[in-house]
């Protein structure tokens, strides 16, 4: 069911928004200025796909799933540590056979109990090839995945043989091989439980998702707004401290920032690059800037033979050396970005796998050597390259233009590199999914969970869920498999680091910069913070 009120958005125009309808248990009415009482008004980008947990692998949809679902684990907003949420315990003697025991008393917002079956049914749905879930890959380590999600042909099974329900609170998981850090991944939204309503009336659920988190969906008008209201019956320890969140779609971050200044919006969780120089004076103390597990990269279409020839590694490395990261992060991002020197994130720390300087000279600005390498590699395919990006969020136009300017200067040619804007993030993602890119494209990564494995396997493993460039290397895959099988986490990190060296040696993607999380908020809000994923900790925000 869709709400009747729509939120219009036009570039450069600040608009008053109709009050959202009240939902049961959340109170009603509006404040004197038409604002729903106790509700946070936040900017948002419309997700490209329906909000199925296993079909959402991008930031905007993930924000909603973080509010309406809770899984076996959750990640501490400050430290990123994986802690039990619905899991009472996860036991194993061999890092391959796991027994999961749920805490009692959890329900979905429609009153249905959350049971072991809620997880097993959800995971089976996610893994089955017929359901075309983008995050199916996350279940590949569970025994029987090759039968429900074969590389070729139709499935020969409908459920994972490695999943078994023992009773309402207990289920077992058998993995295909040892995976010592597997429990730490279970806070990712792909592993969320699903109610029977998801299966009984799938279309209705997609229109108005039902979860088990601190918020429930009141209405969703695609392209305009989603209204979430606090679920008063939520049984978890992280209850919402406000009455709800209105997520309003913006296709221009500067318009959102203008609305924030005008009092028509409460929270912008990605301050546009054009506003960074003035944000502190504009907002005073109502500005958050902190490190986050985000890496901006340039990916390549390895499905295009022009980018996979004998000299392609030299060309990709030359492009990397033609980019003046220090100047771009200083001038455009006011040092809210840090030039990247590896393919992970400093938030992992050295014990978690981060290695400062791993990229070496290939990530240092050296225009003369860049020009020589590109020439030795056969030159840019067709003599010119485009960088494709979505133009609606993230200030990508500014930095893409700056990157191209840097490359053009290094090559001493005008328009050797040009930006190729795509109007919306949804259209951009659809082009990536269709493998229709003709040159480098923006491929920023926000970690799903704070493990080095998450910066490598989903992006570079053969046919992985977010391997949008279709890169493949058998040695990399072998090392990832070996690292996952290590029972000692310290040894596992070392093997993952060896896999990262393969990415470096092949320049599978160009690391650009590590990104801080940034947010600006109105005087209506208190206790605004970002987690290590750069997402606002919505349930902690107080209004008034």
Protein backbone atom coordinates (compact mmCIF):
# COMPACT_ATOMS: atom_id res chain seq x y z
CA UNK A 1 0.00 0.00 0.00
CA UNK A 2 1.39 3.41 -0.98
CA UNK A 3 0.93 6.57 1.01
CA UNK A 4 -1.08 9.39 -0.57
CA UNK A 5 1.41 12.18 0.09
CA UNK A 6 4.20 12.62 -2.45
CA UNK A 7 7.41 14.60 -2.01
CA UNK A 8 8.42 16.51 -5.13
CA UNK A 9 12.05 17.29 -5.85
CA UNK A 10 13.43 19.77 -8.38
CA UNK A 11 17.00 20.98 -8.65
CA UNK A 12 17.58 24.21 -6.77
CA UNK A 13 14.08 24.35 -5.29
CA UNK A 14 13.33 23.80 -1.62
CA UNK A 15 9.86 22.37 -1.14
CA UNK A 16 7.57 21.96 1.81
CA UNK A 17 6.61 18.34 2.38
CA UNK A 18 3.22 17.03 3.30
CA UNK A 19 3.02 15.37 6.67
CA UNK A 20 3.16 11.60 6.63
CA UNK A 21 0.14 9.64 7.81
CA UNK A 22 0.36 8.16 11.26
CA UNK A 23 0.70 4.40 11.70
CA UNK A 24 -0.65 2.30 14.49
CA UNK A 25 1.22 2.71 17.74
CA UNK A 26 3.22 5.73 16.60
CA UNK A 27 1.02 8.66 17.43
CA UNK A 28 -0.42 11.21 15.02
CA UNK A 29 -0.77 14.89 14.39
CA UNK A 30 1.73 17.45 13.19
CA UNK A 31 3.76 20.22 14.76
CA UNK A 32 2.82 23.87 14.20
CA UNK A 33 4.97 24.11 11.06
CA UNK A 34 3.52 20.93 9.50
CA UNK A 35 6.33 18.61 10.58
CA UNK A 36 5.41 15.19 11.93
CA UNK A 37 6.34 15.26 15.64
CA UNK A 38 9.50 13.43 16.58
CA UNK A 39 10.20 12.33 12.98
CA UNK A 40 13.61 12.74 11.33
CA UNK A 41 13.49 14.11 7.76
CA UNK A 42 16.49 12.68 5.91
CA UNK A 43 17.80 12.82 2.34
CA UNK A 44 17.88 9.58 0.34
CA UNK A 45 18.54 8.09 -3.07
CA UNK A 46 15.89 5.74 -4.42
CA UNK A 47 17.19 2.12 -4.56
CA UNK A 48 17.34 0.49 -8.00
CA UNK A 49 15.73 -2.77 -6.80
CA UNK A 50 12.91 -3.88 -4.49
CA UNK A 51 14.03 -4.07 -0.88
CA UNK A 52 14.50 -7.81 -0.59
CA UNK A 53 17.44 -8.33 1.79
CA UNK A 54 19.24 -10.71 -0.55
CA UNK A 55 18.64 -8.49 -3.57
CA UNK A 56 20.02 -5.26 -2.11
CA UNK A 57 23.75 -4.65 -2.42
CA UNK A 58 23.91 -0.86 -2.55
CA UNK A 59 23.95 1.88 0.05
CA UNK A 60 20.53 3.49 -0.31
CA UNK A 61 18.54 0.29 -0.02
CA UNK A 62 20.88 -0.87 2.71
CA UNK A 63 19.95 2.14 4.86
CA UNK A 64 16.34 0.98 4.94
CA UNK A 65 17.21 -2.64 5.61
CA UNK A 66 19.38 -1.49 8.53
CA UNK A 67 16.27 0.08 10.07
CA UNK A 68 13.63 -2.56 9.43
CA UNK A 69 15.65 -5.75 9.95
CA UNK A 70 17.82 -7.35 12.60
CA UNK A 71 19.85 -10.49 11.97
CA UNK A 72 21.87 -13.00 13.94
CA UNK A 73 24.64 -10.45 14.45
CA UNK A 74 24.85 -6.65 14.47
CA UNK A 75 27.86 -4.38 14.12
CA UNK A 76 28.76 -1.97 16.87
CA UNK A 77 28.28 1.56 15.44
CA UNK A 78 31.56 2.81 16.91
CA UNK A 79 33.93 -0.13 16.62
CA UNK A 80 32.37 -2.29 13.91
CA UNK A 81 32.64 -5.33 16.19
CA UNK A 82 30.19 -8.13 15.32
CA UNK A 83 27.94 -8.86 18.30
CA UNK A 84 25.12 -11.31 18.79
CA UNK A 85 21.66 -9.85 18.13
CA UNK A 86 19.09 -12.58 17.47
CA UNK A 87 21.73 -15.25 17.96
CA UNK A 88 22.01 -16.49 21.52
CA UNK A 89 25.09 -18.42 20.45
CA UNK A 90 26.75 -19.84 17.32
CA UNK A 91 28.72 -22.99 18.11
CA UNK A 92 31.27 -24.96 16.11
CA UNK A 93 34.03 -27.47 16.81
CA UNK A 94 35.59 -27.47 13.36
CA UNK A 95 34.76 -24.12 11.64
CA UNK A 96 32.62 -26.03 9.14
CA UNK A 97 29.62 -27.35 11.07
CA UNK A 98 27.74 -24.64 12.97
CA UNK A 99 24.75 -24.78 15.32
CA UNK A 100 22.80 -21.54 15.65
CA UNK A 101 20.60 -20.97 18.69
CA UNK A 102 18.20 -18.02 18.66
CA UNK A 103 17.20 -15.82 21.55
CA UNK A 104 13.55 -16.21 22.61
CA UNK A 105 10.89 -13.52 22.30
CA UNK A 106 11.67 -12.04 18.88
CA UNK A 107 8.84 -11.34 16.44
CA UNK A 108 8.30 -9.55 13.15
CA UNK A 109 6.35 -6.30 13.25
CA UNK A 110 3.20 -8.15 12.10
CA UNK A 111 3.34 -10.31 15.23
CA UNK A 112 4.74 -13.46 13.62
CA UNK A 113 7.47 -15.13 15.73
CA UNK A 114 11.01 -15.14 14.37
CA UNK A 115 12.06 -18.79 14.32
CA UNK A 116 14.82 -20.93 12.91
CA UNK A 117 12.53 -21.50 9.92
CA UNK A 118 12.46 -17.71 9.31
CA UNK A 119 16.21 -17.81 8.65
CA UNK A 120 16.38 -21.10 6.78
CA UNK A 121 13.51 -20.19 4.43
CA UNK A 122 15.05 -16.76 3.77
CA UNK A 123 18.49 -18.21 3.01
CA UNK A 124 17.07 -20.89 0.74
CA UNK A 125 15.12 -18.23 -1.16
CA UNK A 126 18.23 -16.08 -1.48
CA UNK A 127 20.39 -18.91 -2.81
CA UNK A 128 17.95 -20.34 -5.38
CA UNK A 129 18.92 -19.36 -8.91
CA UNK A 130 15.27 -18.95 -9.98
CA UNK A 131 14.86 -16.00 -7.60
CA UNK A 132 17.68 -13.98 -9.19
CA UNK A 133 18.92 -12.44 -5.96
CA UNK A 134 22.01 -10.27 -6.34
CA UNK A 135 23.43 -11.46 -3.02
CA UNK A 136 22.94 -15.18 -3.69
CA UNK A 137 26.71 -15.42 -3.82
CA UNK A 138 26.93 -14.87 -0.05
CA UNK A 139 25.44 -18.34 0.44
CA UNK A 140 27.86 -20.18 -1.82
CA UNK A 141 29.85 -21.59 1.09
CA UNK A 142 26.81 -23.45 2.41
CA UNK A 143 26.71 -27.08 1.32
CA UNK A 144 24.43 -27.71 -1.64
CA UNK A 145 24.77 -24.26 -3.21
CA UNK A 146 25.99 -25.69 -6.52
CA UNK A 147 22.70 -27.59 -6.86
CA UNK A 148 20.36 -24.68 -6.12
CA UNK A 149 22.50 -22.14 -7.98
CA UNK A 150 24.44 -23.97 -10.72
CA UNK A 151 26.80 -22.12 -13.03
CA UNK A 152 24.95 -23.59 -16.00
CA UNK A 153 21.49 -25.04 -16.49
CA UNK A 154 18.54 -25.28 -14.13
CA UNK A 155 18.73 -26.02 -10.39
CA UNK A 156 18.61 -29.68 -9.42
CA UNK A 157 17.52 -28.84 -5.85
CA UNK A 158 15.30 -26.18 -4.32
CA UNK A 159 16.90 -25.94 -0.89
CA UNK A 160 20.42 -25.94 0.51
CA UNK A 161 21.37 -29.36 1.87
CA UNK A 162 23.61 -27.65 4.42
CA UNK A 163 20.67 -26.04 6.24
CA UNK A 164 18.52 -27.96 8.71
CA UNK A 165 15.90 -26.80 11.21
CA UNK A 166 16.14 -28.63 14.52
CA UNK A 167 13.44 -26.79 16.46
CA UNK A 168 11.92 -23.31 16.64
CA UNK A 169 15.09 -21.80 18.08
CA UNK A 170 17.80 -23.97 16.56
CA UNK A 171 19.15 -24.65 13.10
CA UNK A 172 22.39 -26.10 11.79
CA UNK A 173 24.62 -24.98 8.96
CA UNK A 174 27.15 -27.14 7.13
CA UNK A 175 29.65 -25.28 5.00
CA UNK A 176 31.47 -26.73 1.99
CA UNK A 177 34.82 -25.96 3.64
CA UNK A 178 36.15 -24.41 6.78
CA UNK A 179 35.35 -20.72 7.14
CA UNK A 180 36.57 -19.46 10.50
CA UNK A 181 35.18 -15.93 10.20
CA UNK A 182 31.81 -16.97 8.76
CA UNK A 183 29.86 -16.00 11.93
CA UNK A 184 31.28 -12.47 11.68
CA UNK A 185 29.57 -11.99 8.30
CA UNK A 186 26.09 -12.68 9.64
CA UNK A 187 25.26 -9.07 10.46
CA UNK A 188 25.03 -8.36 6.74
CA UNK A 189 21.48 -7.76 5.56
CA UNK A 190 21.51 -10.62 3.05
CA UNK A 191 21.28 -12.97 6.05
CA UNK A 192 18.17 -11.33 7.53
CA UNK A 193 15.16 -13.52 8.43
CA UNK A 194 11.92 -13.24 6.47
CA UNK A 195 8.30 -13.61 7.65
CA UNK A 196 5.78 -15.93 5.99
CA UNK A 197 4.12 -12.82 4.49
CA UNK A 198 7.14 -12.47 2.19
CA UNK A 199 6.35 -15.83 0.62
CA UNK A 200 2.55 -15.86 0.92
CA UNK A 201 1.97 -12.50 -0.79
CA UNK A 202 5.27 -11.44 -2.27
CA UNK A 203 3.92 -8.52 -4.26
CA UNK A 204 2.23 -6.98 -1.22
CA UNK A 205 5.42 -7.44 0.81
CA UNK A 206 7.48 -5.64 -1.83
CA UNK A 207 5.05 -2.72 -1.75
CA UNK A 208 5.31 -2.52 2.04
CA UNK A 209 8.14 -4.61 3.49
CA UNK A 210 7.67 -6.26 6.89
CA UNK A 211 10.73 -6.80 9.04
CA UNK A 212 11.80 -7.30 12.64
CA UNK A 213 13.84 -4.14 13.26
CA UNK A 214 13.11 -1.00 15.31
CA UNK A 215 11.20 0.65 12.44
CA UNK A 216 8.33 -0.43 10.20
CA UNK A 217 7.44 0.90 6.77
CA UNK A 218 4.41 3.20 6.82
CA UNK A 219 4.45 3.97 3.10
CA UNK A 220 6.75 3.86 0.10
CA UNK A 221 6.24 6.00 -2.99
CA UNK A 222 9.05 5.05 -5.35
CA UNK A 223 10.97 8.01 -6.68
CA UNK A 224 9.66 10.29 -3.94
CA UNK A 225 9.77 9.12 -0.35
CA UNK A 226 9.70 6.30 2.14
CA UNK A 227 8.15 6.85 5.55
CA UNK A 228 9.24 4.69 8.44
CA UNK A 229 7.69 4.81 11.86
CA UNK A 230 8.95 3.47 15.15
CA UNK A 231 7.72 -0.01 15.99
CA UNK A 232 6.73 0.26 19.63
CA UNK A 233 6.69 -3.51 20.05
CA UNK A 234 10.29 -3.99 18.97
CA UNK A 235 11.91 -6.45 21.40
CA UNK A 236 15.58 -5.60 20.73
CA UNK A 237 18.00 -3.62 22.92
CA UNK A 238 18.50 -0.85 20.32
CA UNK A 239 15.03 0.72 20.39
CA UNK A 240 14.40 3.91 18.41
CA UNK A 241 14.65 7.18 20.33
CA UNK A 242 12.49 9.05 17.82
CA UNK A 243 9.08 8.54 16.26
CA UNK A 244 10.30 7.65 12.79
CA UNK A 245 12.28 8.65 9.72
CA UNK A 246 11.06 10.20 6.48
CA UNK A 247 13.50 9.32 3.69
CA UNK A 248 13.10 11.84 0.88
CA UNK A 249 14.51 11.21 -2.56
CA UNK A 250 16.91 13.80 -3.97
CA UNK A 251 18.61 13.63 -7.35
CA UNK A 252 20.89 16.54 -6.48
CA UNK A 253 22.88 16.65 -3.24
CA UNK A 254 23.15 20.43 -3.37
CA UNK A 255 19.36 20.71 -3.37
CA UNK A 256 19.23 18.54 -0.27
CA UNK A 257 21.81 20.74 1.42
CA UNK A 258 19.81 23.85 0.51
CA UNK A 259 16.69 22.26 2.01
CA UNK A 260 18.65 21.51 5.18
CA UNK A 261 19.68 25.14 5.49
CA UNK A 262 16.11 26.29 4.79
CA UNK A 263 14.68 24.09 7.56
CA UNK A 264 12.87 21.75 5.17
CA UNK A 265 15.15 18.81 5.95
CA UNK A 266 16.83 17.53 9.12
CA UNK A 267 19.65 15.32 7.92
CA UNK A 268 21.96 15.13 4.90
CA UNK A 269 24.25 12.12 5.23
CA UNK A 270 26.55 12.93 2.29
CA UNK A 271 27.55 16.60 2.29
CA UNK A 272 28.19 17.63 -1.36
CA UNK A 273 31.76 18.49 -2.31
CA UNK A 274 30.72 22.01 -3.30
CA UNK A 275 29.56 22.68 0.29
CA UNK A 276 32.51 21.22 2.21
CA UNK A 277 34.45 24.50 2.39
CA UNK A 278 31.57 26.25 4.10
CA UNK A 279 29.82 23.46 5.97
CA UNK A 280 31.36 24.25 9.35
CA UNK A 281 30.40 27.91 9.18
CA UNK A 282 26.96 27.03 7.75
CA UNK A 283 26.11 24.45 10.39
CA UNK A 284 28.48 25.10 13.26
CA UNK A 285 28.60 22.05 15.49
CA UNK A 286 25.90 20.26 13.51
CA UNK A 287 28.42 18.58 11.22
CA UNK A 288 29.87 15.06 11.46
CA UNK A 289 33.09 14.06 9.68
CA UNK A 290 34.70 10.73 10.57
CA UNK A 291 36.60 7.85 8.93
CA UNK A 292 34.45 5.13 7.37
CA UNK A 293 34.93 1.81 5.65
CA UNK A 294 34.52 3.29 2.17
CA UNK A 295 36.91 3.07 -0.75
CA UNK A 296 36.41 4.90 -4.05
CA UNK A 297 37.83 3.11 -7.09
CA UNK A 298 37.76 3.07 -10.85
CA UNK A 299 36.68 -0.31 -12.22
CA UNK A 300 37.15 -1.60 -15.74
CA UNK A 301 34.92 -3.58 -18.10
CA UNK A 302 36.96 -6.77 -18.40
CA UNK A 303 34.18 -8.19 -20.56
CA UNK A 304 35.35 -5.69 -23.23
CA UNK A 305 38.39 -7.07 -25.11
CA UNK A 306 39.73 -3.53 -25.54
CA UNK A 307 40.60 -3.55 -21.82
CA UNK A 308 42.04 -7.08 -21.60
CA UNK A 309 44.78 -7.11 -24.26
CA UNK A 310 48.48 -7.90 -23.65
CA UNK A 311 49.35 -4.35 -22.65
CA UNK A 312 46.20 -3.65 -20.62
CA UNK A 313 47.89 -3.92 -17.21
CA UNK A 314 50.37 -1.22 -18.23
CA UNK A 315 47.55 0.98 -19.49
CA UNK A 316 45.54 0.58 -16.27
CA UNK A 317 48.65 1.23 -14.16
CA UNK A 318 49.50 4.28 -16.25
CA UNK A 319 46.02 5.69 -15.76
CA UNK A 320 46.43 5.22 -12.01
CA UNK A 321 49.75 7.10 -12.04
CA UNK A 322 48.18 9.92 -14.08
CA UNK A 323 45.74 10.75 -11.25
CA UNK A 324 46.83 13.43 -8.77
CA UNK A 325 44.98 12.06 -5.73
CA UNK A 326 46.55 14.49 -3.29
CA UNK A 327 45.40 17.56 -5.22
CA UNK A 328 41.89 16.21 -5.83
CA UNK A 329 41.25 15.23 -2.21
CA UNK A 330 42.58 18.61 -1.02
CA UNK A 331 40.83 20.92 -3.47
CA UNK A 332 37.53 19.15 -4.08
CA UNK A 333 36.95 17.25 -0.87
CA UNK A 334 38.60 19.59 1.65
CA UNK A 335 40.54 16.60 3.02
CA UNK A 336 37.43 14.61 3.86
CA UNK A 337 39.03 11.99 1.61
CA UNK A 338 42.51 10.47 1.91
CA UNK A 339 44.52 9.22 -1.09
CA UNK A 340 44.25 5.44 -1.17
CA UNK A 341 47.35 3.27 -1.06
CA UNK A 342 45.67 -0.15 -0.97
CA UNK A 343 42.35 -1.86 -1.80
CA UNK A 344 40.85 -2.02 1.73
CA UNK A 345 40.34 0.68 4.36
CA UNK A 346 42.33 2.09 7.30
CA UNK A 347 39.34 1.41 9.59
CA UNK A 348 40.35 -2.28 9.51
CA UNK A 349 43.68 -1.45 11.12
CA UNK A 350 46.88 -3.45 10.51
CA UNK A 351 45.61 -6.45 12.48
CA UNK A 352 42.51 -6.53 10.26
CA UNK A 353 44.51 -6.55 7.04
CA UNK A 354 45.02 -2.90 6.08
CA UNK A 355 48.50 -2.24 4.64
CA UNK A 356 49.36 1.37 4.01
CA UNK A 357 51.44 1.79 0.88
CA UNK A 358 50.67 -1.61 -0.66
CA UNK A 359 49.93 -0.02 -4.04
CA UNK A 360 53.38 1.58 -4.10
CA UNK A 361 54.44 3.75 -7.05
CA UNK A 362 51.35 2.74 -9.05
CA UNK A 363 49.23 4.98 -6.81
CA UNK A 364 51.62 7.95 -6.83
CA UNK A 365 51.22 10.82 -9.24
CA UNK A 366 53.93 10.50 -11.87
CA UNK A 367 52.73 11.97 -15.19
CA UNK A 368 55.89 11.19 -17.17
CA UNK A 369 55.90 7.53 -16.20
CA UNK A 370 52.12 7.35 -16.62
CA UNK A 371 52.42 8.60 -20.18
CA UNK A 372 55.21 6.11 -20.94
CA UNK A 373 53.31 3.11 -19.52
CA UNK A 374 50.14 3.95 -21.45
CA UNK A 375 52.14 4.26 -24.66
CA UNK A 376 53.97 0.96 -23.99
CA UNK A 377 50.63 -0.73 -23.35
CA UNK A 378 49.26 0.31 -26.73
CA UNK A 379 47.52 3.52 -25.67
CA UNK A 380 43.99 4.16 -24.52
CA UNK A 381 41.53 1.92 -26.40
CA UNK A 382 40.38 3.94 -29.39
CA UNK A 383 42.62 6.77 -28.22
CA UNK A 384 40.13 7.99 -25.63
CA UNK A 385 38.44 6.84 -22.44
CA UNK A 386 35.21 7.79 -20.70
CA UNK A 387 34.53 7.49 -16.98
CA UNK A 388 30.89 6.62 -16.35
CA UNK A 389 29.25 7.69 -13.09
CA UNK A 390 25.85 8.47 -11.62
CA UNK A 391 25.22 12.20 -11.43
CA UNK A 392 22.48 12.27 -8.79
CA UNK A 393 24.44 11.64 -5.57
CA UNK A 394 27.92 11.75 -4.13
CA UNK A 395 29.45 14.79 -5.92
CA UNK A 396 30.82 12.43 -8.55
CA UNK A 397 30.77 14.96 -11.38
CA UNK A 398 33.34 17.16 -9.64
CA UNK A 399 35.88 14.45 -8.95
CA UNK A 400 35.42 12.63 -12.27
CA UNK A 401 36.07 15.91 -14.11
CA UNK A 402 39.15 16.43 -11.93
CA UNK A 403 40.44 12.92 -12.60
CA UNK A 404 40.01 13.43 -16.34
CA UNK A 405 41.72 16.81 -16.15
CA UNK A 406 44.67 15.13 -14.40
CA UNK A 407 44.83 12.32 -16.98
CA UNK A 408 44.60 14.79 -19.87
CA UNK A 409 47.45 16.84 -18.43
CA UNK A 410 49.59 13.74 -17.98
CA UNK A 411 48.95 12.61 -21.55
CA UNK A 412 49.29 16.16 -22.90
CA UNK A 413 46.05 15.75 -24.81
CA UNK A 414 42.72 17.51 -24.53
CA UNK A 415 39.72 15.21 -24.00
CA UNK A 416 41.73 12.01 -23.88
CA UNK A 417 39.53 11.40 -20.83
CA UNK A 418 35.96 12.67 -20.43
CA UNK A 419 33.20 12.05 -17.92
CA UNK A 420 30.06 10.18 -18.92
CA UNK A 421 27.23 11.06 -16.49
CA UNK A 422 24.21 8.79 -16.02
CA UNK A 423 21.18 10.53 -14.56
CA UNK A 424 20.31 8.30 -11.61
CA UNK A 425 21.98 5.70 -9.46
CA UNK A 426 19.33 3.16 -10.45
CA UNK A 427 20.13 3.63 -14.16
CA UNK A 428 23.84 3.46 -13.41
CA UNK A 429 23.46 0.16 -11.53
CA UNK A 430 21.32 -1.25 -14.31
CA UNK A 431 24.03 -0.48 -16.86
CA UNK A 432 26.60 -2.21 -14.71
CA UNK A 433 24.35 -5.24 -14.29
CA UNK A 434 23.85 -5.37 -18.07
CA UNK A 435 27.64 -5.21 -18.56
CA UNK A 436 27.30 -2.38 -21.04
CA UNK A 437 30.15 -0.14 -19.84
CA UNK A 438 32.60 0.96 -22.56
CA UNK A 439 35.36 2.23 -20.32
CA UNK A 440 36.28 2.83 -16.65
CA UNK A 441 33.41 3.47 -14.25
CA UNK A 442 32.90 4.57 -10.68
CA UNK A 443 32.94 1.62 -8.31
CA UNK A 444 32.99 2.87 -4.74
CA UNK A 445 32.72 0.21 -2.04
CA UNK A 446 31.13 0.58 1.35
CA UNK A 447 31.99 -2.42 3.49
CA UNK A 448 29.21 -4.82 4.44
CA UNK A 449 31.12 -6.06 7.48
CA UNK A 450 34.55 -5.06 8.85
CA UNK A 451 36.68 -7.89 7.44
CA UNK A 452 39.41 -7.72 4.77
CA UNK A 453 37.54 -10.55 3.04
CA UNK A 454 34.67 -8.16 2.33
CA UNK A 455 36.91 -5.72 0.47
CA UNK A 456 38.21 -8.49 -1.77
CA UNK A 457 35.92 -11.45 -2.35
CA UNK A 458 32.63 -9.72 -3.33
CA UNK A 459 34.51 -7.42 -5.73
CA UNK A 460 37.16 -9.56 -7.40
CA UNK A 461 36.33 -13.25 -6.98
CA UNK A 462 35.16 -14.85 -10.22
CA UNK A 463 31.42 -14.17 -10.74
CA UNK A 464 31.11 -12.56 -7.30
CA UNK A 465 28.01 -10.54 -6.47
CA UNK A 466 29.65 -7.11 -6.86
CA UNK A 467 32.31 -8.02 -9.43
CA UNK A 468 30.75 -5.57 -11.87
CA UNK A 469 33.81 -5.43 -14.09
CA UNK A 470 33.90 -9.23 -14.54
CA UNK A 471 37.57 -9.51 -13.54
CA UNK A 472 38.81 -13.05 -12.94
CA UNK A 473 42.10 -14.55 -11.82
CA UNK A 474 42.53 -18.22 -10.75
CA UNK A 475 45.37 -17.46 -8.33
CA UNK A 476 43.29 -14.81 -6.58
CA UNK A 477 40.35 -17.23 -6.29
CA UNK A 478 42.64 -19.95 -4.91
CA UNK A 479 44.05 -17.64 -2.24
CA UNK A 480 40.58 -16.44 -1.21
CA UNK A 481 39.42 -20.05 -0.81
CA UNK A 482 42.50 -20.86 1.23
CA UNK A 483 42.10 -17.79 3.46
CA UNK A 484 38.47 -18.62 4.18
CA UNK A 485 39.49 -22.15 5.16
CA UNK A 486 42.10 -20.99 7.70
CA UNK A 487 41.00 -21.74 11.25
CA UNK A 488 43.43 -19.15 12.67
CA UNK A 489 42.14 -15.59 11.96
CA UNK A 490 45.69 -14.18 11.95
CA UNK A 491 46.83 -16.64 9.28
CA UNK A 492 43.62 -16.00 7.35
CA UNK A 493 44.36 -12.26 7.20
CA UNK A 494 47.85 -12.94 5.87
CA UNK A 495 46.50 -15.10 3.05
CA UNK A 496 43.88 -12.48 2.20
CA UNK A 497 46.74 -9.98 1.96
CA UNK A 498 48.48 -12.22 -0.56
CA UNK A 499 45.26 -12.24 -2.59
CA UNK A 500 45.23 -8.45 -2.46
CA UNK A 501 48.73 -8.46 -3.96
CA UNK A 502 47.29 -10.24 -7.02
CA UNK A 503 44.75 -7.42 -7.36
CA UNK A 504 47.62 -4.95 -7.13
CA UNK A 505 49.83 -6.72 -9.65
CA UNK A 506 46.99 -6.88 -12.20
CA UNK A 507 45.59 -3.42 -11.30
CA UNK A 508 42.16 -5.05 -11.27
CA UNK A 509 40.76 -1.69 -10.16
CA UNK A 510 42.35 1.69 -9.47
CA UNK A 511 42.10 2.74 -5.80
CA UNK A 512 41.45 6.47 -5.55
CA UNK A 513 40.75 7.52 -1.97
CA UNK A 514 39.40 6.45 1.38
CA UNK A 515 36.22 8.30 2.20
CA UNK A 516 35.12 9.80 5.46
CA UNK A 517 31.49 9.70 6.43
CA UNK A 518 30.02 13.20 6.51
CA UNK A 519 26.65 14.49 7.62
CA UNK A 520 24.96 17.77 8.38
CA UNK A 521 21.85 18.10 10.50
CA UNK A 522 19.30 20.60 11.72
CA UNK A 523 18.83 22.14 15.16
CA UNK A 524 15.82 19.80 15.67
CA UNK A 525 18.17 16.82 16.10
CA UNK A 526 20.46 15.58 18.84
CA UNK A 527 22.78 12.58 19.19
CA UNK A 528 23.53 12.33 15.47
CA UNK A 529 26.33 9.90 14.66
CA UNK A 530 27.53 7.79 11.76
CA UNK A 531 28.55 4.17 12.06
CA UNK A 532 31.71 2.72 10.51
CA UNK A 533 29.77 2.19 7.29
CA UNK A 534 29.07 5.98 7.11
CA UNK A 535 25.33 5.38 7.63
CA UNK A 536 23.49 7.48 10.24
CA UNK A 537 22.66 5.57 13.41
CA UNK A 538 19.02 6.50 12.96
CA UNK A 539 17.63 4.76 16.02
CA UNK A 540 19.89 6.80 18.34
CA UNK A 541 18.82 10.21 16.99
CA UNK A 542 16.63 12.32 19.25
CA UNK A 543 14.29 14.99 17.92
CA UNK A 544 13.61 18.22 19.78
